Amino acid sequence: LRIAERFAGYSAYEGDVLRKACGKKIRALMATEREKFVAACERNGYGAELGSTIFDIIEPFADYAFNKSHAYGYGLVAYQTAWLKANHPVEYLAALLTSVKDNQDKSAVYLNECRAKGITVEVPDVNRSMSDFSVADGVILFGLSAVRNVGEGLVALILDEREKHGPFTDFHDFCDRVDPQVLNKRTIESLIKAGGFDSLGHERLGLLQVHELIIDRT
């Protein structure tokens, strides 16, 4: 911007137009700005040749470039991320999985990385898991809200009941205690298939066959 103001006499507004052309990678506008910039340099006594040389330096920024503050920010985040991954890999990957919990393709990539690093990721558990991926005893607990068809609002109801009255003893106890909103067919089926009730001693296939009857009776 200062080069444009100094050599071409651009106003703050005109300089910002040039900045946007670079930032948005608008080729047609860059071509127009070249003509304008070179002509302005000629009028201001710097000559068309110098104007063209200077614009040759500016133009590559329309391909890909960072200003210093942006580059510094990226560098700092990259360093922090590398340090966390090297020194706290379990917590780091748990946070990473949480960040992509709504994207199953990306989740699969990071779950595979956990396997490659020998980090255990346990199935979701209505008695141990939190809403997001969490760490307990050196293993990652699958987040309940990361299970398909189980939203954060419903998970909050499950966790609230668990915190107030302790762990669930079995599926009947779960159905009896949670808010009825939790007991919709898609949510319960998804939790069963994901292993959410494994720790209560229920076989998944068997529970899938009887859960609707149990919910109706409850």
Protein backbone atom coordinates (compact mmCIF):
# COMPACT_ATOMS: atom_id res chain seq x y z
CA LEU A 1 0.00 0.00 0.00
CA ARG A 2 2.82 2.42 0.84
CA ILE A 3 4.59 1.63 -2.43
CA ALA A 4 1.40 2.41 -4.33
CA GLU A 5 0.95 5.66 -2.40
CA ARG A 6 4.60 6.74 -2.73
CA PHE A 7 5.35 5.90 -6.36
CA ALA A 8 1.93 5.97 -8.01
CA GLY A 9 0.25 8.55 -5.79
CA TYR A 10 -2.60 6.19 -4.92
CA SER A 11 -5.16 7.31 -2.39
CA ALA A 12 -5.93 5.01 0.56
CA TYR A 13 -9.02 3.80 -1.32
CA GLU A 14 -7.10 3.10 -4.53
CA GLY A 15 -4.42 1.26 -2.57
CA ASP A 16 -7.08 -0.89 -0.96
CA VAL A 17 -8.49 -1.80 -4.40
CA LEU A 18 -5.02 -3.03 -5.34
CA ARG A 19 -4.76 -4.96 -2.07
CA LYS A 20 -8.11 -6.68 -2.70
CA ALA A 21 -7.08 -7.56 -6.25
CA CYS A 22 -4.00 -9.29 -4.81
CA GLY A 23 -5.79 -10.88 -1.89
CA LYS A 24 -8.71 -12.21 -3.93
CA LYS A 25 -6.45 -13.26 -6.83
CA ILE A 26 -8.53 -11.34 -9.38
CA ARG A 27 -6.43 -11.59 -12.56
CA ALA A 28 -8.48 -9.21 -14.68
CA LEU A 29 -8.35 -6.52 -12.00
CA MET A 30 -4.60 -7.02 -11.57
CA ALA A 31 -4.09 -6.43 -15.29
CA THR A 32 -6.09 -3.21 -15.06
CA GLU A 33 -4.16 -2.13 -11.96
CA ARG A 34 -0.84 -2.71 -13.76
CA GLU A 35 -1.74 -0.24 -16.49
CA LYS A 36 -2.96 2.27 -13.95
CA PHE A 37 0.08 1.85 -11.68
CA VAL A 38 2.68 2.13 -14.48
CA ALA A 39 0.97 5.21 -15.96
CA ALA A 40 0.82 6.86 -12.53
CA CYS A 41 4.53 6.19 -11.92
CA GLU A 42 5.27 7.82 -15.30
CA ARG A 43 3.21 10.90 -14.38
CA ASN A 44 4.94 11.19 -11.01
CA GLY A 45 8.38 11.27 -12.63
CA TYR A 46 9.57 7.77 -11.71
CA GLY A 47 9.23 6.44 -15.24
CA ALA A 48 7.21 3.64 -16.78
CA GLU A 49 10.15 1.21 -16.61
CA LEU A 50 10.51 1.51 -12.84
CA GLY A 51 6.73 1.31 -12.45
CA SER A 52 6.66 -1.91 -14.44
CA THR A 53 9.58 -3.34 -12.41
CA ILE A 54 7.86 -2.53 -9.12
CA PHE A 55 4.57 -4.03 -10.27
CA ASP A 56 6.44 -7.20 -11.28
CA ILE A 57 7.31 -7.51 -7.59
CA ILE A 58 3.74 -6.81 -6.43
CA GLU A 59 1.97 -9.09 -8.91
CA PRO A 60 3.19 -12.49 -7.57
CA PHE A 61 1.32 -11.73 -4.36
CA ALA A 62 -1.84 -12.45 -6.35
CA ASP A 63 -0.65 -16.07 -6.59
CA TYR A 64 0.03 -16.80 -2.92
CA ALA A 65 1.63 -14.68 -0.25
CA PHE A 66 1.49 -13.81 3.44
CA ASN A 67 2.16 -10.56 5.16
CA LYS A 68 4.61 -10.81 8.06
CA SER A 69 2.02 -10.79 10.84
CA HIS A 70 0.06 -13.56 9.11
CA ALA A 71 3.18 -15.65 8.58
CA TYR A 72 4.21 -15.16 12.21
CA GLY A 73 0.78 -16.29 13.43
CA TYR A 74 0.88 -19.43 11.30
CA GLY A 75 4.42 -20.20 12.42
CA LEU A 76 3.51 -19.87 16.10
CA VAL A 77 0.45 -22.12 15.75
CA ALA A 78 2.50 -24.70 13.81
CA TYR A 79 5.15 -24.75 16.55
CA GLN A 80 2.58 -25.06 19.35
CA THR A 81 0.76 -27.83 17.48
CA ALA A 82 3.97 -29.78 16.86
CA TRP A 83 4.96 -29.45 20.53
CA LEU A 84 1.57 -30.69 21.75
CA LYS A 85 1.58 -33.62 19.33
CA ALA A 86 5.11 -34.62 20.37
CA ASN A 87 4.64 -34.24 24.13
CA HIS A 88 0.93 -34.92 24.69
CA PRO A 89 -0.14 -37.15 21.78
CA VAL A 90 -3.20 -38.69 23.47
CA GLU A 91 -4.69 -35.35 24.53
CA TYR A 92 -3.73 -33.79 21.21
CA LEU A 93 -5.46 -36.47 19.14
CA ALA A 94 -8.53 -36.37 21.40
CA ALA A 95 -8.81 -32.63 20.74
CA LEU A 96 -8.20 -33.18 17.04
CA LEU A 97 -10.95 -35.81 16.85
CA THR A 98 -13.33 -33.44 18.65
CA SER A 99 -12.59 -30.72 16.09
CA VAL A 100 -13.77 -32.99 13.23
CA LYS A 101 -16.44 -35.01 15.05
CA ASP A 102 -19.08 -33.97 12.49
CA ASN A 103 -16.93 -35.05 9.56
CA GLN A 104 -16.73 -38.84 9.39
CA ASP A 105 -14.12 -38.89 6.61
CA LYS A 106 -11.66 -36.77 8.60
CA SER A 107 -12.48 -38.64 11.80
CA ALA A 108 -11.52 -41.89 10.09
CA VAL A 109 -8.12 -40.43 9.16
CA TYR A 110 -7.34 -39.41 12.74
CA LEU A 111 -8.70 -42.65 14.21
CA ASN A 112 -6.32 -44.48 11.91
CA GLU A 113 -3.46 -42.29 13.17
CA CYS A 114 -4.37 -43.29 16.73
CA ARG A 115 -4.12 -46.95 15.73
CA ALA A 116 -0.78 -46.35 14.01
CA LYS A 117 0.58 -44.71 17.17
CA GLY A 118 -0.75 -47.46 19.44
CA ILE A 119 -3.25 -45.11 21.13
CA THR A 120 -6.43 -46.88 22.21
CA VAL A 121 -9.76 -45.28 21.34
CA GLU A 122 -12.54 -46.94 23.31
CA VAL A 123 -16.12 -47.12 22.10
CA PRO A 124 -18.58 -44.57 23.46
CA ASP A 125 -19.91 -45.41 26.91
CA VAL A 126 -22.98 -43.85 28.51
CA ASN A 127 -21.27 -44.18 31.89
CA ARG A 128 -17.79 -42.87 31.05
CA SER A 129 -17.79 -40.82 27.86
CA MET A 130 -18.22 -37.08 27.76
CA SER A 131 -19.87 -35.12 24.96
CA ASP A 132 -16.54 -34.64 23.16
CA PHE A 133 -13.60 -37.01 22.87
CA SER A 134 -11.82 -37.15 26.23
CA VAL A 135 -8.86 -38.86 27.87
CA ALA A 136 -9.00 -41.27 30.81
CA ASP A 137 -6.15 -43.48 32.04
CA GLY A 138 -4.13 -42.90 28.88
CA VAL A 139 -6.85 -43.89 26.42
CA ILE A 140 -9.27 -41.81 24.37
CA LEU A 141 -12.98 -42.18 25.12
CA PHE A 142 -15.14 -41.73 22.05
CA GLY A 143 -17.36 -38.65 22.46
CA LEU A 144 -21.08 -39.35 22.74
CA SER A 145 -22.01 -36.39 20.54
CA ALA A 146 -19.72 -37.75 17.81
CA VAL A 147 -22.03 -40.75 17.37
CA ARG A 148 -24.30 -40.32 14.38
CA ASN A 149 -27.88 -39.26 15.27
CA VAL A 150 -26.82 -38.30 18.81
CA GLY A 151 -26.73 -34.51 19.14
CA GLU A 152 -25.08 -32.39 21.80
CA GLY A 153 -28.45 -31.41 23.26
CA LEU A 154 -29.41 -35.02 23.97
CA VAL A 155 -25.96 -35.82 25.31
CA ALA A 156 -26.26 -32.91 27.74
CA LEU A 157 -29.43 -34.52 29.14
CA ILE A 158 -27.66 -37.87 29.59
CA LEU A 159 -24.65 -36.28 31.30
CA ASP A 160 -26.84 -34.17 33.56
CA GLU A 161 -28.66 -37.23 34.86
CA ARG A 162 -25.42 -39.18 35.27
CA GLU A 163 -23.79 -36.38 37.23
CA LYS A 164 -26.79 -35.91 39.51
CA HIS A 165 -27.58 -39.55 40.31
CA GLY A 166 -24.53 -41.58 39.38
CA PRO A 167 -23.78 -44.21 36.71
CA PHE A 168 -26.53 -46.19 35.02
CA THR A 169 -26.79 -49.80 36.21
CA ASP A 170 -28.43 -51.28 33.11
CA PHE A 171 -30.53 -50.34 30.08
CA HIS A 172 -33.76 -50.37 32.11
CA ASP A 173 -32.22 -47.93 34.59
CA PHE A 174 -31.03 -45.73 31.73
CA CYS A 175 -34.52 -45.57 30.17
CA ASP A 176 -36.13 -44.92 33.54
CA ARG A 177 -33.86 -42.01 34.42
CA VAL A 178 -33.03 -40.03 31.28
CA ASP A 179 -35.24 -37.36 29.78
CA PRO A 180 -37.77 -38.96 27.37
CA GLN A 181 -36.29 -36.85 24.54
CA VAL A 182 -33.24 -39.12 24.64
CA LEU A 183 -35.31 -42.23 24.02
CA ASN A 184 -36.08 -41.67 20.36
CA LYS A 185 -35.53 -44.65 18.07
CA ARG A 186 -32.65 -43.29 15.95
CA THR A 187 -30.65 -42.06 18.94
CA ILE A 188 -30.94 -45.26 20.95
CA GLU A 189 -30.21 -47.49 17.96
CA SER A 190 -27.12 -45.46 17.13
CA LEU A 191 -25.87 -45.65 20.73
CA ILE A 192 -26.43 -49.41 20.82
CA LYS A 193 -24.63 -50.02 17.52
CA ALA A 194 -21.72 -47.80 18.61
CA GLY A 195 -21.30 -49.76 21.84
CA GLY A 196 -22.73 -47.16 24.20
CA PHE A 197 -24.30 -49.83 26.45
CA ASP A 198 -21.59 -52.51 26.19
CA SER A 199 -20.27 -51.77 29.68
CA LEU A 200 -23.73 -52.45 31.15
CA GLY A 201 -23.46 -56.07 30.07
CA HIS A 202 -25.86 -55.96 27.12
CA GLU A 203 -25.13 -57.67 23.81
CA ARG A 204 -25.68 -55.22 20.96
CA LEU A 205 -27.74 -57.52 18.76
CA GLY A 206 -29.98 -58.59 21.62
CA LEU A 207 -30.52 -55.01 22.79
CA LEU A 208 -31.39 -53.93 19.25
CA GLN A 209 -34.17 -56.53 19.22
CA VAL A 210 -35.76 -55.56 22.54
CA HIS A 211 -34.93 -51.89 23.18
CA GLU A 212 -38.24 -50.54 21.80
CA LEU A 213 -40.24 -52.88 24.04
CA ILE A 214 -38.18 -51.87 27.08
CA ILE A 215 -38.63 -48.17 26.29
CA ASP A 216 -42.40 -48.59 25.85
CA ARG A 217 -42.72 -50.43 29.17
CA THR A 218 -40.57 -47.86 30.96
